[in-house]
Amino acid sequence: QHTTVGTDIQDGKCTWLVVQALRRSTSAQRQILEECYGKWDDAKVAKVKALYKEMDLTAAFEEYEEESYRRIQIKLKEASTAIPRDVFELFLQKIYKRVM
């Protein structure tokens, strides 16, 4: 299970999670995001995380990650480049399935 680590919520960063939350939110959920996102308040951060859970964004991210990984693998097989393929595969392995 992915959990948000760090201070992206408090810092108000434009992350994949908040973009998806905004896209999927009801008007009531959007209001909570607007009131709580980017605030250094533990209760507000908890509300944002609760919305992420309510929207099942962990499952959505896992689906997005798998599809992106498959697309990149196809592109790597098709690519003819001066940079060795191993370099791209090593980088992909470092970012694939990392903790958010």
PDB file of N, CA and C in Angstrom:
ATOM      1  N   GLN A   1       0.843  -1.180   0.000  1.00  0.00           N
ATOM      2  CA  GLN A   1       0.000   0.000   0.000  1.00  0.00           C
ATOM      3  C   GLN A   1       0.882   1.235   0.000  1.00  0.00           C
ATOM      4  N   HIS A   2       0.548   2.167  -0.871  1.00  0.00           N
ATOM      5  CA  HIS A   2       1.283   3.415  -0.931  1.00  0.00           C
ATOM      6  C   HIS A   2       0.741   4.378   0.109  1.00  0.00           C
ATOM      7  N   THR A   3       1.640   5.092   0.707  1.00  0.00           N
ATOM      8  CA  THR A   3       1.236   6.161   1.614  1.00  0.00           C
ATOM      9  C   THR A   3       2.024   7.400   1.240  1.00  0.00           C
ATOM     10  N   THR A   4       1.443   8.532   1.497  1.00  0.00           N
ATOM     11  CA  THR A   4       2.141   9.777   1.205  1.00  0.00           C
ATOM     12  C   THR A   4       3.193  10.012   2.274  1.00  0.00           C
ATOM     13  N   VAL A   5       4.436  10.151   1.831  1.00  0.00           N
ATOM     14  CA  VAL A   5       5.557  10.384   2.729  1.00  0.00           C
ATOM     15  C   VAL A   5       6.108  11.767   2.413  1.00  0.00           C
ATOM     16  N   GLY A   6       6.455  12.515   3.429  1.00  0.00           N
ATOM     17  CA  GLY A   6       7.024  13.830   3.190  1.00  0.00           C
ATOM     18  C   GLY A   6       6.014  14.932   3.441  1.00  0.00           C
ATOM     19  N   THR A   7       6.259  16.062   2.809  1.00  0.00           N
ATOM     20  CA  THR A   7       5.443  17.249   3.084  1.00  0.00           C
ATOM     21  C   THR A   7       4.822  17.837   1.819  1.00  0.00           C
ATOM     22  N   ASP A   8       4.580  17.013   0.821  1.00  0.00           N
ATOM     23  CA  ASP A   8       3.985  17.519  -0.419  1.00  0.00           C
ATOM     24  C   ASP A   8       2.637  18.188  -0.171  1.00  0.00           C
ATOM     25  N   ILE A   9       1.815  17.614   0.695  1.00  0.00           N
ATOM     26  CA  ILE A   9       0.500  18.191   0.986  1.00  0.00           C
ATOM     27  C   ILE A   9       0.675  19.555   1.653  1.00  0.00           C
ATOM     28  N   GLN A  10       1.499  19.612   2.677  1.00  0.00           N
ATOM     29  CA  GLN A  10       1.728  20.871   3.387  1.00  0.00           C
ATOM     30  C   GLN A  10       2.335  21.929   2.467  1.00  0.00           C
ATOM     31  N   ASP A  11       3.254  21.500   1.600  1.00  0.00           N
ATOM     32  CA  ASP A  11       3.932  22.424   0.691  1.00  0.00           C
ATOM     33  C   ASP A  11       3.048  22.860  -0.472  1.00  0.00           C
ATOM     34  N   GLY A  12       1.911  22.193  -0.641  1.00  0.00           N
ATOM     35  CA  GLY A  12       1.001  22.534  -1.730  1.00  0.00           C
ATOM     36  C   GLY A  12       1.543  22.179  -3.098  1.00  0.00           C
ATOM     37  N   LYS A  13       2.344  21.113  -3.163  1.00  0.00           N
ATOM     38  CA  LYS A  13       2.952  20.719  -4.433  1.00  0.00           C
ATOM     39  C   LYS A  13       1.904  20.159  -5.385  1.00  0.00           C
ATOM     40  N   CYS A  14       2.149  20.373  -6.661  1.00  0.00           N
ATOM     41  CA  CYS A  14       1.255  19.879  -7.704  1.00  0.00           C
ATOM     42  C   CYS A  14       1.651  18.439  -8.039  1.00  0.00           C
ATOM     43  N   THR A  15       1.159  17.505  -7.245  1.00  0.00           N
ATOM     44  CA  THR A  15       1.509  16.095  -7.405  1.00  0.00           C
ATOM     45  C   THR A  15       0.439  15.364  -8.217  1.00  0.00           C
ATOM     46  N   TRP A  16       0.782  14.159  -8.664  1.00  0.00           N
ATOM     47  CA  TRP A  16      -0.178  13.316  -9.378  1.00  0.00           C
ATOM     48  C   TRP A  16      -1.405  13.097  -8.510  1.00  0.00           C
ATOM     49  N   LEU A  17      -1.199  12.850  -7.221  1.00  0.00           N
ATOM     50  CA  LEU A  17      -2.322  12.567  -6.332  1.00  0.00           C
ATOM     51  C   LEU A  17      -3.303  13.734  -6.246  1.00  0.00           C
ATOM     52  N   VAL A  18      -2.829  14.939  -6.039  1.00  0.00           N
ATOM     53  CA  VAL A  18      -3.747  16.068  -5.894  1.00  0.00           C
ATOM     54  C   VAL A  18      -4.415  16.410  -7.227  1.00  0.00           C
ATOM     55  N   VAL A  19      -3.693  16.247  -8.328  1.00  0.00           N
ATOM     56  CA  VAL A  19      -4.318  16.486  -9.631  1.00  0.00           C
ATOM     57  C   VAL A  19      -5.476  15.515  -9.841  1.00  0.00           C
ATOM     58  N   GLN A  20      -5.237  14.238  -9.526  1.00  0.00           N
ATOM     59  CA  GLN A  20      -6.306  13.247  -9.667  1.00  0.00           C
ATOM     60  C   GLN A  20      -7.456  13.528  -8.703  1.00  0.00           C
ATOM     61  N   ALA A  21      -7.127  13.922  -7.498  1.00  0.00           N
ATOM     62  CA  ALA A  21      -8.179  14.247  -6.520  1.00  0.00           C
ATOM     63  C   ALA A  21      -9.042  15.393  -7.036  1.00  0.00           C
ATOM     64  N   LEU A  22      -8.423  16.413  -7.603  1.00  0.00           N
ATOM     65  CA  LEU A  22      -9.176  17.540  -8.136  1.00  0.00           C
ATOM     66  C   LEU A  22     -10.038  17.116  -9.324  1.00  0.00           C
ATOM     67  N   ARG A  23      -9.513  16.258 -10.160  1.00  0.00           N
ATOM     68  CA  ARG A  23     -10.265  15.777 -11.327  1.00  0.00           C
ATOM     69  C   ARG A  23     -11.488  14.954 -10.912  1.00  0.00           C
ATOM     70  N   ARG A  24     -11.351  14.182  -9.854  1.00  0.00           N
ATOM     71  CA  ARG A  24     -12.388  13.228  -9.460  1.00  0.00           C
ATOM     72  C   ARG A  24     -13.325  13.753  -8.375  1.00  0.00           C
ATOM     73  N   SER A  25     -13.013  14.889  -7.811  1.00  0.00           N
ATOM     74  CA  SER A  25     -13.729  15.350  -6.615  1.00  0.00           C
ATOM     75  C   SER A  25     -15.140  15.840  -6.910  1.00  0.00           C
ATOM     76  N   THR A  26     -15.986  15.643  -5.924  1.00  0.00           N
ATOM     77  CA  THR A  26     -17.291  16.290  -5.926  1.00  0.00           C
ATOM     78  C   THR A  26     -17.066  17.730  -5.489  1.00  0.00           C
ATOM     79  N   SER A  27     -18.096  18.533  -5.544  1.00  0.00           N
ATOM     80  CA  SER A  27     -17.922  19.927  -5.108  1.00  0.00           C
ATOM     81  C   SER A  27     -17.575  19.992  -3.617  1.00  0.00           C
ATOM     82  N   ALA A  28     -18.154  19.097  -2.816  1.00  0.00           N
ATOM     83  CA  ALA A  28     -17.849  19.082  -1.375  1.00  0.00           C
ATOM     84  C   ALA A  28     -16.401  18.648  -1.136  1.00  0.00           C
ATOM     85  N   GLN A  29     -15.936  17.643  -1.866  1.00  0.00           N
ATOM     86  CA  GLN A  29     -14.558  17.175  -1.717  1.00  0.00           C
ATOM     87  C   GLN A  29     -13.578  18.253  -2.194  1.00  0.00           C
ATOM     88  N   ARG A  30     -13.917  18.921  -3.281  1.00  0.00           N
ATOM     89  CA  ARG A  30     -13.044  19.984  -3.794  1.00  0.00           C
ATOM     90  C   ARG A  30     -12.914  21.113  -2.771  1.00  0.00           C
ATOM     91  N   GLN A  31     -14.008  21.423  -2.103  1.00  0.00           N
ATOM     92  CA  GLN A  31     -13.970  22.470  -1.085  1.00  0.00           C
ATOM     93  C   GLN A  31     -13.004  22.084   0.038  1.00  0.00           C
ATOM     94  N   ILE A  32     -13.041  20.815   0.449  1.00  0.00           N
ATOM     95  CA  ILE A  32     -12.119  20.341   1.488  1.00  0.00           C
ATOM     96  C   ILE A  32     -10.678  20.476   0.997  1.00  0.00           C
ATOM     97  N   LEU A  33     -10.427  20.067  -0.246  1.00  0.00           N
ATOM     98  CA  LEU A  33      -9.075  20.190  -0.797  1.00  0.00           C
ATOM     99  C   LEU A  33      -8.614  21.645  -0.808  1.00  0.00           C
ATOM    100  N   GLU A  34      -9.479  22.526  -1.246  1.00  0.00           N
ATOM    101  CA  GLU A  34      -9.106  23.939  -1.308  1.00  0.00           C
ATOM    102  C   GLU A  34      -8.845  24.525   0.077  1.00  0.00           C
ATOM    103  N   GLU A  35      -9.587  24.054   1.067  1.00  0.00           N
ATOM    104  CA  GLU A  35      -9.411  24.558   2.438  1.00  0.00           C
ATOM    105  C   GLU A  35      -8.206  23.938   3.142  1.00  0.00           C
ATOM    106  N   CYS A  36      -7.840  22.724   2.755  1.00  0.00           N
ATOM    107  CA  CYS A  36      -6.835  21.988   3.523  1.00  0.00           C
ATOM    108  C   CYS A  36      -5.487  21.808   2.828  1.00  0.00           C
ATOM    109  N   TYR A  37      -5.462  21.784   1.505  1.00  0.00           N
ATOM    110  CA  TYR A  37      -4.219  21.518   0.789  1.00  0.00           C
ATOM    111  C   TYR A  37      -3.297  22.728   0.883  1.00  0.00           C
ATOM    112  N   GLY A  38      -2.031  22.457   1.153  1.00  0.00           N
ATOM    113  CA  GLY A  38      -1.041  23.527   1.248  1.00  0.00           C
ATOM    114  C   GLY A  38      -0.992  24.180   2.616  1.00  0.00           C
ATOM    115  N   LYS A  39      -1.575  23.541   3.609  1.00  0.00           N
ATOM    116  CA  LYS A  39      -1.594  24.090   4.971  1.00  0.00           C
ATOM    117  C   LYS A  39      -0.747  23.218   5.904  1.00  0.00           C
ATOM    118  N   TRP A  40      -0.002  23.876   6.776  1.00  0.00           N
ATOM    119  CA  TRP A  40       0.827  23.179   7.764  1.00  0.00           C
ATOM    120  C   TRP A  40       0.000  22.962   9.032  1.00  0.00           C
ATOM    121  N   ASP A  41      -0.974  22.097   8.918  1.00  0.00           N
ATOM    122  CA  ASP A  41      -1.887  21.794  10.011  1.00  0.00           C
ATOM    123  C   ASP A  41      -2.180  20.300   9.927  1.00  0.00           C
ATOM    124  N   ASP A  42      -1.807  19.549  10.961  1.00  0.00           N
ATOM    125  CA  ASP A  42      -1.948  18.092  10.929  1.00  0.00           C
ATOM    126  C   ASP A  42      -3.374  17.636  10.663  1.00  0.00           C
ATOM    127  N   ALA A  43      -4.345  18.339  11.221  1.00  0.00           N
ATOM    128  CA  ALA A  43      -5.749  17.959  11.014  1.00  0.00           C
ATOM    129  C   ALA A  43      -6.150  18.140   9.549  1.00  0.00           C
ATOM    130  N   LYS A  44      -5.655  19.199   8.923  1.00  0.00           N
ATOM    131  CA  LYS A  44      -5.977  19.447   7.516  1.00  0.00           C
ATOM    132  C   LYS A  44      -5.277  18.444   6.607  1.00  0.00           C
ATOM    133  N   VAL A  45      -4.038  18.114   6.929  1.00  0.00           N
ATOM    134  CA  VAL A  45      -3.307  17.093   6.169  1.00  0.00           C
ATOM    135  C   VAL A  45      -4.052  15.762   6.271  1.00  0.00           C
ATOM    136  N   ALA A  46      -4.529  15.437   7.460  1.00  0.00           N
ATOM    137  CA  ALA A  46      -5.287  14.199   7.664  1.00  0.00           C
ATOM    138  C   ALA A  46      -6.555  14.181   6.810  1.00  0.00           C
ATOM    139  N   LYS A  47      -7.202  15.325   6.671  1.00  0.00           N
ATOM    140  CA  LYS A  47      -8.418  15.402   5.840  1.00  0.00           C
ATOM    141  C   LYS A  47      -8.083  15.143   4.370  1.00  0.00           C
ATOM    142  N   VAL A  48      -6.970  15.686   3.909  1.00  0.00           N
ATOM    143  CA  VAL A  48      -6.558  15.452   2.518  1.00  0.00           C
ATOM    144  C   VAL A  48      -6.252  13.970   2.316  1.00  0.00           C
ATOM    145  N   LYS A  49      -5.515  13.376   3.245  1.00  0.00           N
ATOM    146  CA  LYS A  49      -5.193  11.955   3.133  1.00  0.00           C
ATOM    147  C   LYS A  49      -6.454  11.103   3.182  1.00  0.00           C
ATOM    148  N   ALA A  50      -7.418  11.499   3.985  1.00  0.00           N
ATOM    149  CA  ALA A  50      -8.686  10.776   4.054  1.00  0.00           C
ATOM    150  C   ALA A  50      -9.424  10.857   2.718  1.00  0.00           C
ATOM    151  N   LEU A  51      -9.371  12.015   2.070  1.00  0.00           N
ATOM    152  CA  LEU A  51      -9.981  12.150   0.743  1.00  0.00           C
ATOM    153  C   LEU A  51      -9.290  11.252  -0.269  1.00  0.00           C
ATOM    154  N   TYR A  52      -7.968  11.206  -0.223  1.00  0.00           N
ATOM    155  CA  TYR A  52      -7.224  10.320  -1.126  1.00  0.00           C
ATOM    156  C   TYR A  52      -7.700   8.882  -0.943  1.00  0.00           C
ATOM    157  N   LYS A  53      -7.860   8.482   0.312  1.00  0.00           N
ATOM    158  CA  LYS A  53      -8.303   7.118   0.599  1.00  0.00           C
ATOM    159  C   LYS A  53      -9.743   6.909   0.122  1.00  0.00           C
ATOM    160  N   GLU A  54     -10.605   7.869   0.401  1.00  0.00           N
ATOM    161  CA  GLU A  54     -12.014   7.794  -0.016  1.00  0.00           C
ATOM    162  C   GLU A  54     -12.141   7.658  -1.538  1.00  0.00           C
ATOM    163  N   MET A  55     -11.261   8.339  -2.262  1.00  0.00           N
ATOM    164  CA  MET A  55     -11.277   8.302  -3.722  1.00  0.00           C
ATOM    165  C   MET A  55     -10.518   7.095  -4.287  1.00  0.00           C
ATOM    166  N   ASP A  56      -9.935   6.298  -3.413  1.00  0.00           N
ATOM    167  CA  ASP A  56      -9.162   5.105  -3.786  1.00  0.00           C
ATOM    168  C   ASP A  56      -8.034   5.453  -4.759  1.00  0.00           C
ATOM    169  N   LEU A  57      -7.319   6.513  -4.439  1.00  0.00           N
ATOM    170  CA  LEU A  57      -6.247   6.970  -5.322  1.00  0.00           C
ATOM    171  C   LEU A  57      -5.037   6.041  -5.317  1.00  0.00           C
ATOM    172  N   THR A  58      -4.891   5.240  -4.276  1.00  0.00           N
ATOM    173  CA  THR A  58      -3.792   4.266  -4.275  1.00  0.00           C
ATOM    174  C   THR A  58      -3.990   3.273  -5.410  1.00  0.00           C
ATOM    175  N   ALA A  59      -5.204   2.748  -5.537  1.00  0.00           N
ATOM    176  CA  ALA A  59      -5.490   1.804  -6.627  1.00  0.00           C
ATOM    177  C   ALA A  59      -5.359   2.490  -7.983  1.00  0.00           C
ATOM    178  N   ALA A  60      -5.825   3.731  -8.073  1.00  0.00           N
ATOM    179  CA  ALA A  60      -5.722   4.473  -9.325  1.00  0.00           C
ATOM    180  C   ALA A  60      -4.261   4.680  -9.706  1.00  0.00           C
ATOM    181  N   PHE A  61      -3.422   4.998  -8.707  1.00  0.00           N
ATOM    182  CA  PHE A  61      -1.998   5.191  -9.000  1.00  0.00           C
ATOM    183  C   PHE A  61      -1.350   3.886  -9.438  1.00  0.00           C
ATOM    184  N   GLU A  62      -1.682   2.799  -8.770  1.00  0.00           N
ATOM    185  CA  GLU A  62      -1.092   1.511  -9.134  1.00  0.00           C
ATOM    186  C   GLU A  62      -1.454   1.139 -10.574  1.00  0.00           C
ATOM    187  N   GLU A  63      -2.688   1.406 -10.969  1.00  0.00           N
ATOM    188  CA  GLU A  63      -3.119   1.149 -12.348  1.00  0.00           C
ATOM    189  C   GLU A  63      -2.351   2.044 -13.324  1.00  0.00           C
ATOM    190  N   TYR A  64      -2.240   3.327 -12.986  1.00  0.00           N
ATOM    191  CA  TYR A  64      -1.497   4.280 -13.808  1.00  0.00           C
ATOM    192  C   TYR A  64      -0.025   3.857 -13.931  1.00  0.00           C
ATOM    193  N   GLU A  65       0.561   3.454 -12.813  1.00  0.00           N
ATOM    194  CA  GLU A  65       1.965   3.054 -12.806  1.00  0.00           C
ATOM    195  C   GLU A  65       2.195   1.826 -13.684  1.00  0.00           C
ATOM    196  N   GLU A  66       1.317   0.835 -13.565  1.00  0.00           N
ATOM    197  CA  GLU A  66       1.456  -0.382 -14.369  1.00  0.00           C
ATOM    198  C   GLU A  66       1.340  -0.069 -15.862  1.00  0.00           C
ATOM    199  N   GLU A  67       0.347   0.728 -16.224  1.00  0.00           N
ATOM    200  CA  GLU A  67       0.151   1.081 -17.633  1.00  0.00           C
ATOM    201  C   GLU A  67       1.340   1.887 -18.151  1.00  0.00           C
ATOM    202  N   SER A  68       1.830   2.820 -17.366  1.00  0.00           N
ATOM    203  CA  SER A  68       3.001   3.613 -17.771  1.00  0.00           C
ATOM    204  C   SER A  68       4.218   2.719 -17.945  1.00  0.00           C
ATOM    205  N   TYR A  69       4.409   1.786 -17.032  1.00  0.00           N
ATOM    206  CA  TYR A  69       5.542   0.860 -17.108  1.00  0.00           C
ATOM    207  C   TYR A  69       5.465   0.029 -18.400  1.00  0.00           C
ATOM    208  N   ARG A  70       4.273  -0.472 -18.704  1.00  0.00           N
ATOM    209  CA  ARG A  70       4.103  -1.265 -19.940  1.00  0.00           C
ATOM    210  C   ARG A  70       4.410  -0.425 -21.181  1.00  0.00           C
ATOM    211  N   ARG A  71       3.904   0.819 -21.197  1.00  0.00           N
ATOM    212  CA  ARG A  71       4.147   1.694 -22.354  1.00  0.00           C
ATOM    213  C   ARG A  71       5.639   1.999 -22.513  1.00  0.00           C
ATOM    214  N   ILE A  72       6.310   2.246 -21.410  1.00  0.00           N
ATOM    215  CA  ILE A  72       7.753   2.540 -21.471  1.00  0.00           C
ATOM    216  C   ILE A  72       8.523   1.319 -21.958  1.00  0.00           C
ATOM    217  N   GLN A  73       8.148   0.135 -21.475  1.00  0.00           N
ATOM    218  CA  GLN A  73       8.819  -1.084 -21.931  1.00  0.00           C
ATOM    219  C   GLN A  73       8.667  -1.260 -23.442  1.00  0.00           C
ATOM    220  N   ILE A  74       7.482  -1.000 -23.962  1.00  0.00           N
ATOM    221  CA  ILE A  74       7.253  -1.103 -25.418  1.00  0.00           C
ATOM    222  C   ILE A  74       8.121  -0.097 -26.155  1.00  0.00           C
ATOM    223  N   LYS A  75       8.156   1.136 -25.662  1.00  0.00           N
ATOM    224  CA  LYS A  75       8.965   2.181 -26.304  1.00  0.00           C
ATOM    225  C   LYS A  75      10.450   1.822 -26.278  1.00  0.00           C
ATOM    226  N   LEU A  76      10.904   1.238 -25.171  1.00  0.00           N
ATOM    227  CA  LEU A  76      12.313   0.839 -25.082  1.00  0.00           C
ATOM    228  C   LEU A  76      12.640  -0.241 -26.109  1.00  0.00           C
ATOM    229  N   LYS A  77      11.733  -1.169 -26.302  1.00  0.00           N
ATOM    230  CA  LYS A  77      11.966  -2.236 -27.287  1.00  0.00           C
ATOM    231  C   LYS A  77      11.991  -1.676 -28.704  1.00  0.00           C
ATOM    232  N   GLU A  78      11.184  -0.641 -28.947  1.00  0.00           N
ATOM    233  CA  GLU A  78      11.110  -0.039 -30.283  1.00  0.00           C
ATOM    234  C   GLU A  78      12.245   0.949 -30.554  1.00  0.00           C
ATOM    235  N   ALA A  79      12.844   1.480 -29.494  1.00  0.00           N
ATOM    236  CA  ALA A  79      13.811   2.569 -29.640  1.00  0.00           C
ATOM    237  C   ALA A  79      15.145   2.091 -30.185  1.00  0.00           C
ATOM    238  N   SER A  80      15.685   2.909 -31.046  1.00  0.00           N
ATOM    239  CA  SER A  80      17.044   2.737 -31.522  1.00  0.00           C
ATOM    240  C   SER A  80      17.759   4.021 -31.120  1.00  0.00           C
ATOM    241  N   THR A  81      18.688   3.909 -30.180  1.00  0.00           N
ATOM    242  CA  THR A  81      19.304   5.113 -29.648  1.00  0.00           C
ATOM    243  C   THR A  81      20.789   4.903 -29.388  1.00  0.00           C
ATOM    244  N   ALA A  82      21.507   6.004 -29.304  1.00  0.00           N
ATOM    245  CA  ALA A  82      22.939   5.946 -29.016  1.00  0.00           C
ATOM    246  C   ALA A  82      23.193   5.630 -27.546  1.00  0.00           C
ATOM    247  N   ILE A  83      22.203   5.899 -26.708  1.00  0.00           N
ATOM    248  CA  ILE A  83      22.342   5.594 -25.279  1.00  0.00           C
ATOM    249  C   ILE A  83      21.933   4.137 -25.066  1.00  0.00           C
ATOM    250  N   PRO A  84      22.775   3.362 -24.391  1.00  0.00           N
ATOM    251  CA  PRO A  84      22.438   1.948 -24.183  1.00  0.00           C
ATOM    252  C   PRO A  84      21.092   1.776 -23.468  1.00  0.00           C
ATOM    253  N   ARG A  85      20.342   0.816 -23.925  1.00  0.00           N
ATOM    254  CA  ARG A  85      19.030   0.512 -23.352  1.00  0.00           C
ATOM    255  C   ARG A  85      19.123   0.221 -21.859  1.00  0.00           C
ATOM    256  N   ASP A  86      20.215  -0.389 -21.428  1.00  0.00           N
ATOM    257  CA  ASP A  86      20.411  -0.722 -20.010  1.00  0.00           C
ATOM    258  C   ASP A  86      20.298   0.513 -19.115  1.00  0.00           C
ATOM    259  N   VAL A  87      20.736   1.669 -19.615  1.00  0.00           N
ATOM    260  CA  VAL A  87      20.663   2.908 -18.837  1.00  0.00           C
ATOM    261  C   VAL A  87      19.206   3.244 -18.534  1.00  0.00           C
ATOM    262  N   PHE A  88      18.348   3.152 -19.553  1.00  0.00           N
ATOM    263  CA  PHE A  88      16.931   3.438 -19.368  1.00  0.00           C
ATOM    264  C   PHE A  88      16.271   2.409 -18.454  1.00  0.00           C
ATOM    265  N   GLU A  89      16.614   1.152 -18.644  1.00  0.00           N
ATOM    266  CA  GLU A  89      16.015   0.099 -17.818  1.00  0.00           C
ATOM    267  C   GLU A  89      16.430   0.244 -16.357  1.00  0.00           C
ATOM    268  N   LEU A  90      17.669   0.618 -16.101  1.00  0.00           N
ATOM    269  CA  LEU A  90      18.129   0.829 -14.737  1.00  0.00           C
ATOM    270  C   LEU A  90      17.343   1.970 -14.085  1.00  0.00           C
ATOM    271  N   PHE A  91      17.178   3.066 -14.804  1.00  0.00           N
ATOM    272  CA  PHE A  91      16.411   4.194 -14.288  1.00  0.00           C
ATOM    273  C   PHE A  91      14.964   3.788 -14.035  1.00  0.00           C
ATOM    274  N   LEU A  92      14.369   3.067 -14.958  1.00  0.00           N
ATOM    275  CA  LEU A  92      12.984   2.634 -14.809  1.00  0.00           C
ATOM    276  C   LEU A  92      12.823   1.758 -13.571  1.00  0.00           C
ATOM    277  N   GLN A  93      13.757   0.867 -13.330  1.00  0.00           N
ATOM    278  CA  GLN A  93      13.676   0.007 -12.143  1.00  0.00           C
ATOM    279  C   GLN A  93      13.790   0.812 -10.847  1.00  0.00           C
ATOM    280  N   LYS A  94      14.523   1.917 -10.885  1.00  0.00           N
ATOM    281  CA  LYS A  94      14.665   2.748  -9.684  1.00  0.00           C
ATOM    282  C   LYS A  94      13.371   3.482  -9.326  1.00  0.00           C
ATOM    283  N   ILE A  95      12.570   3.842 -10.340  1.00  0.00           N
ATOM    284  CA  ILE A  95      11.355   4.600 -10.046  1.00  0.00           C
ATOM    285  C   ILE A  95      10.096   3.738 -10.002  1.00  0.00           C
ATOM    286  N   TYR A  96      10.149   2.540 -10.560  1.00  0.00           N
ATOM    287  CA  TYR A  96       8.979   1.673 -10.603  1.00  0.00           C
ATOM    288  C   TYR A  96       8.720   1.068  -9.223  1.00  0.00           C
ATOM    289  N   LYS A  97       7.489   1.180  -8.764  1.00  0.00           N
ATOM    290  CA  LYS A  97       7.042   0.630  -7.470  1.00  0.00           C
ATOM    291  C   LYS A  97       7.718   1.283  -6.274  1.00  0.00           C
ATOM    292  N   ARG A  98       8.125   2.539  -6.424  1.00  0.00           N
ATOM    293  CA  ARG A  98       8.710   3.219  -5.270  1.00  0.00           C
ATOM    294  C   ARG A  98       7.592   3.746  -4.386  1.00  0.00           C
ATOM    295  N   VAL A  99       7.901   4.050  -3.160  1.00  0.00           N
ATOM    296  CA  VAL A  99       6.921   4.562  -2.218  1.00  0.00           C
ATOM    297  C   VAL A  99       6.670   6.019  -2.511  1.00  0.00           C
ATOM    298  N   MET A 100       5.385   6.405  -2.572  1.00  0.00           N
ATOM    299  CA  MET A 100       5.037   7.806  -2.818  1.00  0.00           C
ATOM    300  C   MET A 100       5.242   8.590  -1.558  1.00  0.00           C
TER     301      MET A 100
END
